[in-house]
Amino acid sequence: MKATAKKYKKPMMAVALFALLLVGYFTREKWLPFFQKDEVSPSNGVGQGGNTPPSTTANSNTVDKTRVLKQGDRGEAVKELQRLLNGKHKSNPPQVIPLLVEDGIFGTKTEIMLLKWTGKTAISINQLIIELAK
């Protein structure tokens, strides 16, 4: 039995390493912030180690929820769109596509996420809320 164990030691180690990497990849959202520098986060403007909680008051009451948003748009309405898409994405694991940075810029990644959850490339906030509720 010892000879067999020695013979398969390297392949078993390779399989174990692959399994560890696979688990690490799918749980990266939980452990990755631990390894990041203590800088200002682009998503909420608060340092990773700061005691100030991120702002939970999105400007959802001041944005025009009927304006159709598309790639190239910028502003608070796009931030609200990104926040809603991230909320939907977080509630449906496993997440292969990373979360959006809520920067208020409707770029390619925002369009891909919107297409994934609604099948559309342009949408208003009101339409998105209806689509995500389905």
Protein backbone atom coordinates (compact mmCIF):
# COMPACT_ATOMS: atom_id res chain seq x y z
CA MET A 1 0.00 0.00 0.00
CA LYS A 2 2.87 2.39 0.73
CA ALA A 3 4.21 1.96 -2.79
CA THR A 4 0.81 2.81 -4.25
CA ALA A 5 0.52 5.90 -2.05
CA LYS A 6 3.98 7.08 -3.12
CA LYS A 7 3.14 6.43 -6.76
CA TYR A 8 -0.01 8.59 -6.67
CA LYS A 9 1.28 11.27 -4.29
CA LYS A 10 1.87 13.93 -6.98
CA PRO A 11 -1.44 13.42 -8.83
CA MET A 12 -3.33 13.50 -5.51
CA MET A 13 -1.57 16.73 -4.56
CA ALA A 14 -2.46 18.23 -7.95
CA VAL A 15 -6.15 17.30 -7.52
CA ALA A 16 -6.17 18.73 -3.99
CA LEU A 17 -4.55 21.97 -5.18
CA PHE A 18 -7.04 22.26 -8.04
CA ALA A 19 -9.96 21.72 -5.64
CA LEU A 20 -8.57 24.38 -3.29
CA LEU A 21 -8.18 26.86 -6.16
CA LEU A 22 -11.71 26.13 -7.35
CA VAL A 23 -13.19 26.74 -3.89
CA GLY A 24 -11.10 29.90 -3.54
CA TYR A 25 -12.31 31.22 -6.88
CA PHE A 26 -15.99 30.79 -6.07
CA THR A 27 -15.64 32.33 -2.59
CA ARG A 28 -13.38 35.22 -3.63
CA GLU A 29 -15.95 37.90 -2.76
CA LYS A 30 -15.70 36.90 0.90
CA TRP A 31 -11.92 36.73 1.33
CA LEU A 32 -10.58 39.11 -1.32
CA PRO A 33 -11.19 42.35 0.67
CA PHE A 34 -8.84 41.00 3.35
CA PHE A 35 -5.91 41.17 0.90
CA GLN A 36 -6.71 44.56 -0.63
CA LYS A 37 -4.96 47.75 0.48
CA ASP A 38 -6.71 50.16 2.81
CA GLU A 39 -7.69 52.67 0.13
CA VAL A 40 -10.79 54.58 -0.78
CA SER A 41 -13.18 52.19 -2.45
CA PRO A 42 -14.61 53.44 -5.76
CA SER A 43 -17.97 51.87 -4.99
CA ASN A 44 -18.77 53.68 -1.75
CA GLY A 45 -16.03 56.27 -1.14
CA VAL A 46 -15.11 54.78 2.23
CA GLY A 47 -11.79 53.17 3.10
CA GLN A 48 -11.83 49.42 3.64
CA GLY A 49 -10.70 49.74 7.23
CA GLY A 50 -12.72 52.86 8.08
CA ASN A 51 -15.41 52.83 10.72
CA THR A 52 -17.77 54.90 8.59
CA PRO A 53 -20.44 52.68 7.04
CA PRO A 54 -21.17 53.06 3.34
CA SER A 55 -24.02 55.36 2.48
CA THR A 56 -27.28 53.44 2.36
CA THR A 57 -29.28 56.39 1.14
CA ALA A 58 -29.10 56.02 -2.60
CA ASN A 59 -30.41 59.01 -4.46
CA SER A 60 -33.31 56.95 -5.72
CA ASN A 61 -35.79 59.67 -4.82
CA THR A 62 -33.93 62.36 -6.81
CA VAL A 63 -33.22 60.45 -10.03
CA ASP A 64 -35.53 60.40 -13.02
CA LYS A 65 -36.74 56.81 -12.97
CA THR A 66 -38.42 57.09 -16.36
CA ARG A 67 -35.32 58.13 -18.33
CA VAL A 68 -34.04 55.30 -20.53
CA LEU A 69 -30.40 54.56 -19.70
CA LYS A 70 -27.99 53.12 -22.25
CA GLN A 71 -24.25 52.61 -22.70
CA GLY A 72 -22.36 55.90 -22.47
CA ASP A 73 -24.73 57.50 -19.94
CA ARG A 74 -23.41 58.82 -16.63
CA GLY A 75 -24.83 60.07 -13.36
CA GLU A 76 -26.85 59.19 -10.30
CA ALA A 77 -29.46 57.29 -12.31
CA VAL A 78 -26.75 54.96 -13.60
CA LYS A 79 -25.46 54.46 -10.02
CA GLU A 80 -28.99 53.45 -9.00
CA LEU A 81 -29.17 51.05 -11.96
CA GLN A 82 -25.82 49.51 -10.98
CA ARG A 83 -26.93 49.21 -7.34
CA LEU A 84 -30.12 47.38 -8.35
CA LEU A 85 -28.23 45.06 -10.71
CA ASN A 86 -25.66 44.25 -7.99
CA GLY A 87 -28.48 43.47 -5.56
CA LYS A 88 -30.04 41.03 -8.03
CA HIS A 89 -26.64 39.51 -8.82
CA LYS A 90 -25.74 39.02 -5.13
CA SER A 91 -29.02 37.22 -4.46
CA ASN A 92 -28.41 34.63 -7.20
CA PRO A 93 -25.17 32.71 -6.51
CA PRO A 94 -22.87 31.33 -7.81
CA GLN A 95 -21.45 34.53 -9.22
CA VAL A 96 -19.06 33.95 -12.09
CA ILE A 97 -19.39 37.55 -13.28
CA PRO A 98 -17.97 39.98 -10.66
CA LEU A 99 -20.13 42.70 -9.13
CA LEU A 100 -20.29 46.08 -10.82
CA VAL A 101 -18.39 49.07 -9.48
CA GLU A 102 -21.12 51.58 -8.66
CA ASP A 103 -19.35 54.51 -10.30
CA GLY A 104 -22.24 56.01 -12.27
CA ILE A 105 -20.73 55.18 -15.67
CA PHE A 106 -22.81 52.95 -17.95
CA GLY A 107 -20.05 50.97 -19.60
CA THR A 108 -19.63 47.55 -21.17
CA LYS A 109 -19.74 45.67 -17.85
CA THR A 110 -22.98 47.37 -16.84
CA GLU A 111 -24.47 46.54 -20.23
CA ILE A 112 -23.41 42.88 -19.91
CA MET A 113 -24.97 42.63 -16.45
CA LEU A 114 -28.17 44.32 -17.67
CA LEU A 115 -28.34 41.96 -20.64
CA LYS A 116 -27.85 38.97 -18.33
CA TRP A 117 -30.75 39.85 -16.03
CA THR A 118 -33.20 41.53 -18.44
CA GLY A 119 -32.22 40.62 -21.98
CA LYS A 120 -32.11 44.35 -22.81
CA THR A 121 -29.26 46.78 -23.46
CA ALA A 122 -31.17 49.96 -22.54
CA ILE A 123 -33.73 50.38 -19.76
CA SER A 124 -35.23 52.86 -17.29
CA ILE A 125 -35.08 52.38 -13.51
CA ASN A 126 -38.84 51.70 -13.38
CA GLN A 127 -38.58 49.06 -16.12
CA LEU A 128 -35.61 47.46 -14.35
CA ILE A 129 -37.50 47.18 -11.07
CA ILE A 130 -40.36 45.44 -12.90
CA GLU A 131 -37.98 43.12 -14.78
CA LEU A 132 -36.04 42.15 -11.63
CA ALA A 133 -39.27 41.40 -9.77
CA LYS A 134 -40.21 38.71 -12.31
